[in-house]
Amino acid sequence: FKTSKVACCGQGPYNGIGLCTQLSNLCSNRDLYAFWDAFHPSEKANKLIVNDIWSGSKAYMSPMNLSTILALDATT
C-alpha cells in the first residue's frame, strides 16, 4: 500500500470525515490505499484479510484457519 494513513475517498483531514460522496476527494488508484473511506478497508485490504482468515497461519485464526474448519465439517 502507498498509505494506510489517508483514505482513498472522503473529506477533511486524512479523508477521514464522513462516507464517500460525490463531493469527496477521490484517489486515482484505490489499490494503493488500505482504506476506502473512514470506515471501510479497500478491496485490496479486504482480500488480504480474507486470505489470512481462509488459509493463514494460527497467528491470524486459531486453532485452525477457515478452510480447515470447512474441510473438517464436510467430513462429518
PDB file of N, CA and C in Angstrom:
ATOM      1  N   PHE A   1       0.830  -1.190   0.000  1.00  0.00           N
ATOM      2  CA  PHE A   1       0.000   0.000   0.000  1.00  0.00           C
ATOM      3  C   PHE A   1       0.868   1.244   0.000  1.00  0.00           C
ATOM      4  N   LYS A   2       0.386   2.271  -0.649  1.00  0.00           N
ATOM      5  CA  LYS A   2       1.056   3.571  -0.629  1.00  0.00           C
ATOM      6  C   LYS A   2       0.919   4.186   0.760  1.00  0.00           C
ATOM      7  N   THR A   3      -0.278   4.051   1.344  1.00  0.00           N
ATOM      8  CA  THR A   3      -0.519   4.622   2.665  1.00  0.00           C
ATOM      9  C   THR A   3      -1.676   3.932   3.369  1.00  0.00           C
ATOM     10  N   SER A   4      -1.607   3.918   4.677  1.00  0.00           N
ATOM     11  CA  SER A   4      -2.738   3.486   5.494  1.00  0.00           C
ATOM     12  C   SER A   4      -3.205   4.640   6.372  1.00  0.00           C
ATOM     13  N   LYS A   5      -2.610   5.801   6.176  1.00  0.00           N
ATOM     14  CA  LYS A   5      -2.953   6.968   6.994  1.00  0.00           C
ATOM     15  C   LYS A   5      -4.015   7.847   6.356  1.00  0.00           C
ATOM     16  N   VAL A   6      -4.226   7.690   5.047  1.00  0.00           N
ATOM     17  CA  VAL A   6      -5.202   8.505   4.324  1.00  0.00           C
ATOM     18  C   VAL A   6      -6.137   7.564   3.577  1.00  0.00           C
ATOM     19  N   ALA A   7      -7.440   7.821   3.666  1.00  0.00           N
ATOM     20  CA  ALA A   7      -8.414   7.015   2.930  1.00  0.00           C
ATOM     21  C   ALA A   7      -8.427   7.421   1.461  1.00  0.00           C
ATOM     22  N   CYS A   8      -8.837   6.503   0.614  1.00  0.00           N
ATOM     23  CA  CYS A   8      -8.923   6.791  -0.819  1.00  0.00           C
ATOM     24  C   CYS A   8     -10.015   7.817  -1.107  1.00  0.00           C
ATOM     25  N   CYS A   9     -11.110   7.761  -0.383  1.00  0.00           N
ATOM     26  CA  CYS A   9     -12.252   8.631  -0.661  1.00  0.00           C
ATOM     27  C   CYS A   9     -12.794   9.209   0.640  1.00  0.00           C
ATOM     28  N   GLY A  10     -12.952  10.513   0.697  1.00  0.00           N
ATOM     29  CA  GLY A  10     -13.509  11.142   1.886  1.00  0.00           C
ATOM     30  C   GLY A  10     -13.294  12.635   1.886  1.00  0.00           C
ATOM     31  N   GLN A  11     -13.523  13.231   3.038  1.00  0.00           N
ATOM     32  CA  GLN A  11     -13.348  14.662   3.216  1.00  0.00           C
ATOM     33  C   GLN A  11     -12.526  14.915   4.477  1.00  0.00           C
ATOM     34  N   GLY A  12     -12.007  16.125   4.563  1.00  0.00           N
ATOM     35  CA  GLY A  12     -11.305  16.554   5.764  1.00  0.00           C
ATOM     36  C   GLY A  12      -9.933  15.939   5.914  1.00  0.00           C
ATOM     37  N   PRO A  13      -9.365  16.107   7.114  1.00  0.00           N
ATOM     38  CA  PRO A  13      -8.034  15.552   7.370  1.00  0.00           C
ATOM     39  C   PRO A  13      -8.008  14.042   7.119  1.00  0.00           C
ATOM     40  N   TYR A  14      -7.025  13.601   6.395  1.00  0.00           N
ATOM     41  CA  TYR A  14      -6.819  12.180   6.089  1.00  0.00           C
ATOM     42  C   TYR A  14      -7.995  11.561   5.326  1.00  0.00           C
ATOM     43  N   ASN A  15      -8.848  12.381   4.728  1.00  0.00           N
ATOM     44  CA  ASN A  15     -10.097  11.899   4.109  1.00  0.00           C
ATOM     45  C   ASN A  15     -10.885  11.058   5.106  1.00  0.00           C
ATOM     46  N   GLY A  16     -10.830  11.462   6.370  1.00  0.00           N
ATOM     47  CA  GLY A  16     -11.413  10.664   7.437  1.00  0.00           C
ATOM     48  C   GLY A  16     -12.730  11.164   7.985  1.00  0.00           C
ATOM     49  N   ILE A  17     -13.372  12.094   7.307  1.00  0.00           N
ATOM     50  CA  ILE A  17     -14.651  12.607   7.795  1.00  0.00           C
ATOM     51  C   ILE A  17     -15.751  12.167   6.837  1.00  0.00           C
ATOM     52  N   GLY A  18     -16.694  11.414   7.353  1.00  0.00           N
ATOM     53  CA  GLY A  18     -17.851  11.015   6.563  1.00  0.00           C
ATOM     54  C   GLY A  18     -17.576   9.901   5.573  1.00  0.00           C
ATOM     55  N   LEU A  19     -18.641   9.537   4.879  1.00  0.00           N
ATOM     56  CA  LEU A  19     -18.565   8.499   3.856  1.00  0.00           C
ATOM     57  C   LEU A  19     -18.179   9.098   2.516  1.00  0.00           C
ATOM     58  N   CYS A  20     -17.885   8.254   1.568  1.00  0.00           N
ATOM     59  CA  CYS A  20     -17.539   8.690   0.221  1.00  0.00           C
ATOM     60  C   CYS A  20     -18.802   9.182  -0.486  1.00  0.00           C
ATOM     61  N   THR A  21     -18.770  10.419  -0.953  1.00  0.00           N
ATOM     62  CA  THR A  21     -19.902  11.007  -1.677  1.00  0.00           C
ATOM     63  C   THR A  21     -19.385  11.666  -2.954  1.00  0.00           C
ATOM     64  N   GLN A  22     -20.289  12.262  -3.709  1.00  0.00           N
ATOM     65  CA  GLN A  22     -19.900  12.962  -4.936  1.00  0.00           C
ATOM     66  C   GLN A  22     -19.008  14.161  -4.646  1.00  0.00           C
ATOM     67  N   LEU A  23     -19.052  14.686  -3.431  1.00  0.00           N
ATOM     68  CA  LEU A  23     -18.251  15.852  -3.062  1.00  0.00           C
ATOM     69  C   LEU A  23     -16.895  15.480  -2.465  1.00  0.00           C
ATOM     70  N   SER A  24     -16.629  14.193  -2.332  1.00  0.00           N
ATOM     71  CA  SER A  24     -15.406  13.719  -1.683  1.00  0.00           C
ATOM     72  C   SER A  24     -14.177  13.869  -2.564  1.00  0.00           C
ATOM     73  N   ASN A  25     -13.023  13.901  -1.903  1.00  0.00           N
ATOM     74  CA  ASN A  25     -11.745  13.748  -2.600  1.00  0.00           C
ATOM     75  C   ASN A  25     -11.637  12.275  -2.976  1.00  0.00           C
ATOM     76  N   LEU A  26     -11.204  11.981  -4.183  1.00  0.00           N
ATOM     77  CA  LEU A  26     -11.109  10.599  -4.643  1.00  0.00           C
ATOM     78  C   LEU A  26      -9.709  10.335  -5.181  1.00  0.00           C
ATOM     79  N   CYS A  27      -9.087   9.253  -4.705  1.00  0.00           N
ATOM     80  CA  CYS A  27      -7.752   8.904  -5.181  1.00  0.00           C
ATOM     81  C   CYS A  27      -7.824   8.370  -6.611  1.00  0.00           C
ATOM     82  N   SER A  28      -6.703   8.350  -7.284  1.00  0.00           N
ATOM     83  CA  SER A  28      -6.685   7.879  -8.671  1.00  0.00           C
ATOM     84  C   SER A  28      -6.519   6.361  -8.780  1.00  0.00           C
ATOM     85  N   ASN A  29      -5.998   5.705  -7.721  1.00  0.00           N
ATOM     86  CA  ASN A  29      -5.790   4.255  -7.754  1.00  0.00           C
ATOM     87  C   ASN A  29      -6.092   3.676  -6.379  1.00  0.00           C
ATOM     88  N   ARG A  30      -7.282   3.122  -6.209  1.00  0.00           N
ATOM     89  CA  ARG A  30      -7.713   2.630  -4.895  1.00  0.00           C
ATOM     90  C   ARG A  30      -6.877   1.460  -4.393  1.00  0.00           C
ATOM     91  N   ASP A  31      -6.175   0.744  -5.275  1.00  0.00           N
ATOM     92  CA  ASP A  31      -5.345  -0.383  -4.844  1.00  0.00           C
ATOM     93  C   ASP A  31      -4.118   0.052  -4.049  1.00  0.00           C
ATOM     94  N   LEU A  32      -3.812   1.337  -4.060  1.00  0.00           N
ATOM     95  CA  LEU A  32      -2.661   1.839  -3.313  1.00  0.00           C
ATOM     96  C   LEU A  32      -3.017   2.248  -1.890  1.00  0.00           C
ATOM     97  N   TYR A  33      -4.292   2.171  -1.530  1.00  0.00           N
ATOM     98  CA  TYR A  33      -4.765   2.642  -0.228  1.00  0.00           C
ATOM     99  C   TYR A  33      -5.324   1.487   0.590  1.00  0.00           C
ATOM    100  N   ALA A  34      -5.029   1.467   1.886  1.00  0.00           N
ATOM    101  CA  ALA A  34      -5.544   0.427   2.767  1.00  0.00           C
ATOM    102  C   ALA A  34      -7.014   0.656   3.096  1.00  0.00           C
ATOM    103  N   PHE A  35      -7.448   1.919   3.075  1.00  0.00           N
ATOM    104  CA  PHE A  35      -8.835   2.233   3.416  1.00  0.00           C
ATOM    105  C   PHE A  35      -9.548   2.915   2.265  1.00  0.00           C
ATOM    106  N   TRP A  36     -10.808   2.495   2.024  1.00  0.00           N
ATOM    107  CA  TRP A  36     -11.637   3.135   1.006  1.00  0.00           C
ATOM    108  C   TRP A  36     -12.157   4.463   1.532  1.00  0.00           C
ATOM    109  N   ASP A  37     -12.765   4.435   2.717  1.00  0.00           N
ATOM    110  CA  ASP A  37     -13.238   5.651   3.370  1.00  0.00           C
ATOM    111  C   ASP A  37     -12.898   5.547   4.847  1.00  0.00           C
ATOM    112  N   ALA A  38     -13.485   6.403   5.656  1.00  0.00           N
ATOM    113  CA  ALA A  38     -13.137   6.429   7.079  1.00  0.00           C
ATOM    114  C   ALA A  38     -13.523   5.150   7.814  1.00  0.00           C
ATOM    115  N   PHE A  39     -14.394   4.337   7.237  1.00  0.00           N
ATOM    116  CA  PHE A  39     -14.927   3.176   7.939  1.00  0.00           C
ATOM    117  C   PHE A  39     -14.608   1.833   7.295  1.00  0.00           C
ATOM    118  N   HIS A  40     -14.262   1.807   6.023  1.00  0.00           N
ATOM    119  CA  HIS A  40     -14.154   0.550   5.285  1.00  0.00           C
ATOM    120  C   HIS A  40     -12.765   0.324   4.695  1.00  0.00           C
ATOM    121  N   PRO A  41     -12.222  -0.894   4.877  1.00  0.00           N
ATOM    122  CA  PRO A  41     -10.976  -1.231   4.192  1.00  0.00           C
ATOM    123  C   PRO A  41     -11.198  -1.232   2.681  1.00  0.00           C
ATOM    124  N   SER A  42     -10.136  -1.029   1.936  1.00  0.00           N
ATOM    125  CA  SER A  42     -10.228  -1.083   0.473  1.00  0.00           C
ATOM    126  C   SER A  42     -10.422  -2.531   0.027  1.00  0.00           C
ATOM    127  N   GLU A  43     -10.769  -2.727  -1.236  1.00  0.00           N
ATOM    128  CA  GLU A  43     -10.956  -4.075  -1.764  1.00  0.00           C
ATOM    129  C   GLU A  43      -9.667  -4.889  -1.635  1.00  0.00           C
ATOM    130  N   LYS A  44      -8.531  -4.277  -1.910  1.00  0.00           N
ATOM    131  CA  LYS A  44      -7.253  -4.981  -1.795  1.00  0.00           C
ATOM    132  C   LYS A  44      -6.990  -5.386  -0.345  1.00  0.00           C
ATOM    133  N   ALA A  45      -7.273  -4.491   0.598  1.00  0.00           N
ATOM    134  CA  ALA A  45      -7.087  -4.811   2.017  1.00  0.00           C
ATOM    135  C   ALA A  45      -8.025  -5.939   2.436  1.00  0.00           C
ATOM    136  N   ASN A  46      -9.282  -5.893   1.985  1.00  0.00           N
ATOM    137  CA  ASN A  46     -10.228  -6.964   2.301  1.00  0.00           C
ATOM    138  C   ASN A  46      -9.745  -8.306   1.775  1.00  0.00           C
ATOM    139  N   LYS A  47      -9.186  -8.334   0.579  1.00  0.00           N
ATOM    140  CA  LYS A  47      -8.671  -9.588   0.015  1.00  0.00           C
ATOM    141  C   LYS A  47      -7.536 -10.148   0.868  1.00  0.00           C
ATOM    142  N   LEU A  48      -6.658  -9.283   1.351  1.00  0.00           N
ATOM    143  CA  LEU A  48      -5.565  -9.739   2.215  1.00  0.00           C
ATOM    144  C   LEU A  48      -6.101 -10.291   3.531  1.00  0.00           C
ATOM    145  N   ILE A  49      -7.095  -9.618   4.105  1.00  0.00           N
ATOM    146  CA  ILE A  49      -7.699 -10.063   5.364  1.00  0.00           C
ATOM    147  C   ILE A  49      -8.368 -11.420   5.175  1.00  0.00           C
ATOM    148  N   VAL A  50      -9.168 -11.555   4.124  1.00  0.00           N
ATOM    149  CA  VAL A  50      -9.868 -12.814   3.864  1.00  0.00           C
ATOM    150  C   VAL A  50      -8.874 -13.941   3.600  1.00  0.00           C
ATOM    151  N   ASN A  51      -7.808 -13.667   2.873  1.00  0.00           N
ATOM    152  CA  ASN A  51      -6.804 -14.691   2.601  1.00  0.00           C
ATOM    153  C   ASN A  51      -6.179 -15.199   3.896  1.00  0.00           C
ATOM    154  N   ASP A  52      -5.901 -14.299   4.838  1.00  0.00           N
ATOM    155  CA  ASP A  52      -5.336 -14.724   6.120  1.00  0.00           C
ATOM    156  C   ASP A  52      -6.328 -15.550   6.924  1.00  0.00           C
ATOM    157  N   ILE A  53      -7.601 -15.188   6.893  1.00  0.00           N
ATOM    158  CA  ILE A  53      -8.617 -15.963   7.608  1.00  0.00           C
ATOM    159  C   ILE A  53      -8.824 -17.315   6.931  1.00  0.00           C
ATOM    160  N   TRP A  54      -8.840 -17.329   5.594  1.00  0.00           N
ATOM    161  CA  TRP A  54      -9.111 -18.556   4.849  1.00  0.00           C
ATOM    162  C   TRP A  54      -7.967 -19.559   4.923  1.00  0.00           C
ATOM    163  N   SER A  55      -6.737 -19.080   4.692  1.00  0.00           N
ATOM    164  CA  SER A  55      -5.631 -20.039   4.601  1.00  0.00           C
ATOM    165  C   SER A  55      -4.395 -19.628   5.392  1.00  0.00           C
ATOM    166  N   GLY A  56      -4.538 -18.659   6.262  1.00  0.00           N
ATOM    167  CA  GLY A  56      -3.399 -18.166   7.021  1.00  0.00           C
ATOM    168  C   GLY A  56      -2.998 -19.069   8.172  1.00  0.00           C
ATOM    169  N   SER A  57      -1.951 -18.663   8.845  1.00  0.00           N
ATOM    170  CA  SER A  57      -1.416 -19.441   9.963  1.00  0.00           C
ATOM    171  C   SER A  57      -2.232 -19.193  11.234  1.00  0.00           C
ATOM    172  N   LYS A  58      -1.866 -19.906  12.289  1.00  0.00           N
ATOM    173  CA  LYS A  58      -2.543 -19.746  13.575  1.00  0.00           C
ATOM    174  C   LYS A  58      -2.360 -18.348  14.158  1.00  0.00           C
ATOM    175  N   ALA A  59      -1.422 -17.602  13.629  1.00  0.00           N
ATOM    176  CA  ALA A  59      -1.232 -16.227  14.101  1.00  0.00           C
ATOM    177  C   ALA A  59      -2.452 -15.370  13.782  1.00  0.00           C
ATOM    178  N   TYR A  60      -3.224 -15.754  12.757  1.00  0.00           N
ATOM    179  CA  TYR A  60      -4.381 -14.964  12.332  1.00  0.00           C
ATOM    180  C   TYR A  60      -5.711 -15.577  12.742  1.00  0.00           C
ATOM    181  N   MET A  61      -5.781 -16.896  12.788  1.00  0.00           N
ATOM    182  CA  MET A  61      -7.021 -17.571  13.170  1.00  0.00           C
ATOM    183  C   MET A  61      -6.655 -18.881  13.844  1.00  0.00           C
ATOM    184  N   SER A  62      -7.069 -19.024  15.088  1.00  0.00           N
ATOM    185  CA  SER A  62      -6.644 -20.167  15.880  1.00  0.00           C
ATOM    186  C   SER A  62      -7.867 -20.889  16.442  1.00  0.00           C
ATOM    187  N   PRO A  63      -7.851 -22.190  16.544  1.00  0.00           N
ATOM    188  CA  PRO A  63      -6.708 -23.076  16.379  1.00  0.00           C
ATOM    189  C   PRO A  63      -6.443 -23.501  14.934  1.00  0.00           C
ATOM    190  N   MET A  64      -7.330 -23.149  13.993  1.00  0.00           N
ATOM    191  CA  MET A  64      -7.100 -23.509  12.590  1.00  0.00           C
ATOM    192  C   MET A  64      -7.785 -22.488  11.695  1.00  0.00           C
ATOM    193  N   ASN A  65      -7.331 -22.414  10.450  1.00  0.00           N
ATOM    194  CA  ASN A  65      -7.923 -21.441   9.531  1.00  0.00           C
ATOM    195  C   ASN A  65      -9.285 -21.930   9.023  1.00  0.00           C
ATOM    196  N   LEU A  66      -9.996 -21.045   8.353  1.00  0.00           N
ATOM    197  CA  LEU A  66     -11.368 -21.337   7.932  1.00  0.00           C
ATOM    198  C   LEU A  66     -11.451 -22.480   6.926  1.00  0.00           C
ATOM    199  N   SER A  67     -10.504 -22.589   6.006  1.00  0.00           N
ATOM    200  CA  SER A  67     -10.560 -23.689   5.033  1.00  0.00           C
ATOM    201  C   SER A  67     -10.430 -25.041   5.726  1.00  0.00           C
ATOM    202  N   THR A  68      -9.639 -25.117   6.783  1.00  0.00           N
ATOM    203  CA  THR A  68      -9.500 -26.362   7.544  1.00  0.00           C
ATOM    204  C   THR A  68     -10.790 -26.681   8.290  1.00  0.00           C
ATOM    205  N   ILE A  69     -11.410 -25.678   8.884  1.00  0.00           N
ATOM    206  CA  ILE A  69     -12.677 -25.884   9.596  1.00  0.00           C
ATOM    207  C   ILE A  69     -13.744 -26.411   8.640  1.00  0.00           C
ATOM    208  N   LEU A  70     -13.849 -25.796   7.459  1.00  0.00           N
ATOM    209  CA  LEU A  70     -14.860 -26.237   6.497  1.00  0.00           C
ATOM    210  C   LEU A  70     -14.559 -27.625   5.951  1.00  0.00           C
ATOM    211  N   ALA A  71     -13.284 -27.964   5.789  1.00  0.00           N
ATOM    212  CA  ALA A  71     -12.917 -29.305   5.330  1.00  0.00           C
ATOM    213  C   ALA A  71     -13.297 -30.344   6.382  1.00  0.00           C
ATOM    214  N   LEU A  72     -13.078 -30.037   7.649  1.00  0.00           N
ATOM    215  CA  LEU A  72     -13.464 -30.952   8.724  1.00  0.00           C
ATOM    216  C   LEU A  72     -14.974 -31.091   8.800  1.00  0.00           C
ATOM    217  N   ASP A  73     -15.683 -29.986   8.632  1.00  0.00           N
ATOM    218  CA  ASP A  73     -17.143 -30.003   8.681  1.00  0.00           C
ATOM    219  C   ASP A  73     -17.721 -30.844   7.547  1.00  0.00           C
ATOM    220  N   ALA A  74     -17.076 -30.834   6.398  1.00  0.00           N
ATOM    221  CA  ALA A  74     -17.565 -31.587   5.237  1.00  0.00           C
ATOM    222  C   ALA A  74     -17.436 -33.092   5.438  1.00  0.00           C
ATOM    223  N   THR A  75     -16.560 -33.523   6.332  1.00  0.00           N
ATOM    224  CA  THR A  75     -16.351 -34.954   6.550  1.00  0.00           C
ATOM    225  C   THR A  75     -17.294 -35.522   7.602  1.00  0.00           C
ATOM    226  N   THR A  76     -18.034 -34.661   8.283  1.00  0.00           N
ATOM    227  CA  THR A  76     -18.934 -35.172   9.336  1.00  0.00           C
ATOM    228  C   THR A  76     -20.357 -35.263   8.869  1.00  0.00           C
TER     229      THR A  76
END
